[in-house]
Amino acid sequence: MRVGKNVKHVSIGDRVGVGAQALSCMQSDCPECSSGQENHRGRAFVQTYAMPYPDGSGNSYGGYADYNRTPGHFVFQIPEGLASAVAAPMLCGGVTVFSPLKHNGCGPGKSVGILGVGGLGHFGILFARALGADRVVGVSRKSSKRQEVLSLGADEYIATDDDENWASTNARLLDLIINTVSSSKMPLTDYLSLLKVGGTLIQVGNPDGGSLPQLNAFTFIVNGIKFGGSCIGSPADIREMLELASKKQLKPLIEERPMEDANDVLVDMGKGLARYRYVLVNSRNL
């Protein structure tokens, strides 16, 4: 193991993590990198998933490896109070919901909805509560998730498959919605009806092909609502998220599996068995 000569924030022996992003251009004249928005794809954006580094030095391999090579700006110290297995899924899934919650005003006085309570959405419930929202509402299809969602910290749960009037019953309920749903057939107009006047929906779920349901402009005009998107989170967001998770002792729902079972884990994910994040443990390096 080695640490580059210009890296000052971590040392050999520290417990560290790397998220979904391995590199940005990090140039002072880059609008994104110079404003703490490295995650929004400036001149260079390298994911940690087998993408080539632009200097020709190789690819960003390492997800299933014993060792990983990543520029120091995208390597994060894990706080003492946070277990490695808890921190690991936060570095991608966790910050994907933490960042839009933080940047769109989640906190005291706000009513926040999380659409789709799964791998991403359950993090949304945890972080909306940790950020101090007055009211946290989980929205998913099945009523069977109700008690689990409430146990994560939600104040209310809406099961859309079990109440045909759910949209009208809960109209203008929320200031902010984080939408983790990735189906191109989602009832997006109904989701938007849950927003108060001037409310905001942030899309983080990415449907296959990127297509969203057709929307009527009148929906936005009459209600004065805003519709945006968010991509993972910046290094600053990740550091803040980890500190908050440690301080609040957040407990995401995870299942640890041996690294050797990676193929089986992928099969189980395809079957929808994850509740809600699998964490691969490399026992050779514990």
Foldseek 3Di string as FASTA:
>chain_A
DDDDPPQDPDDPPFDKAFAQWQDAPCDCPWPCNVVLNRLPDTPDTATLPFDADPVRPGTNDDPLDPDTDGPNLRMGGFDPLDDPLRLHLCRFLLLQQLVVCVVQDQADPFAEEEEDCFQNRLSNQLNSVLRHHPAYEYEYADPVCFVVSVVSPHPYYHHCNVDVCRLVVQFQPGQEYEYQDAAQPDPVLSVLRNHAQAHEYEYSHAHVVRHHHDDDVVSCVVRVYYYYYDGRGGSVSSNVSSVSCSVVVRDQDEAEDESVCVVVVVVCVVVVNPSHYYDYDDVVVD
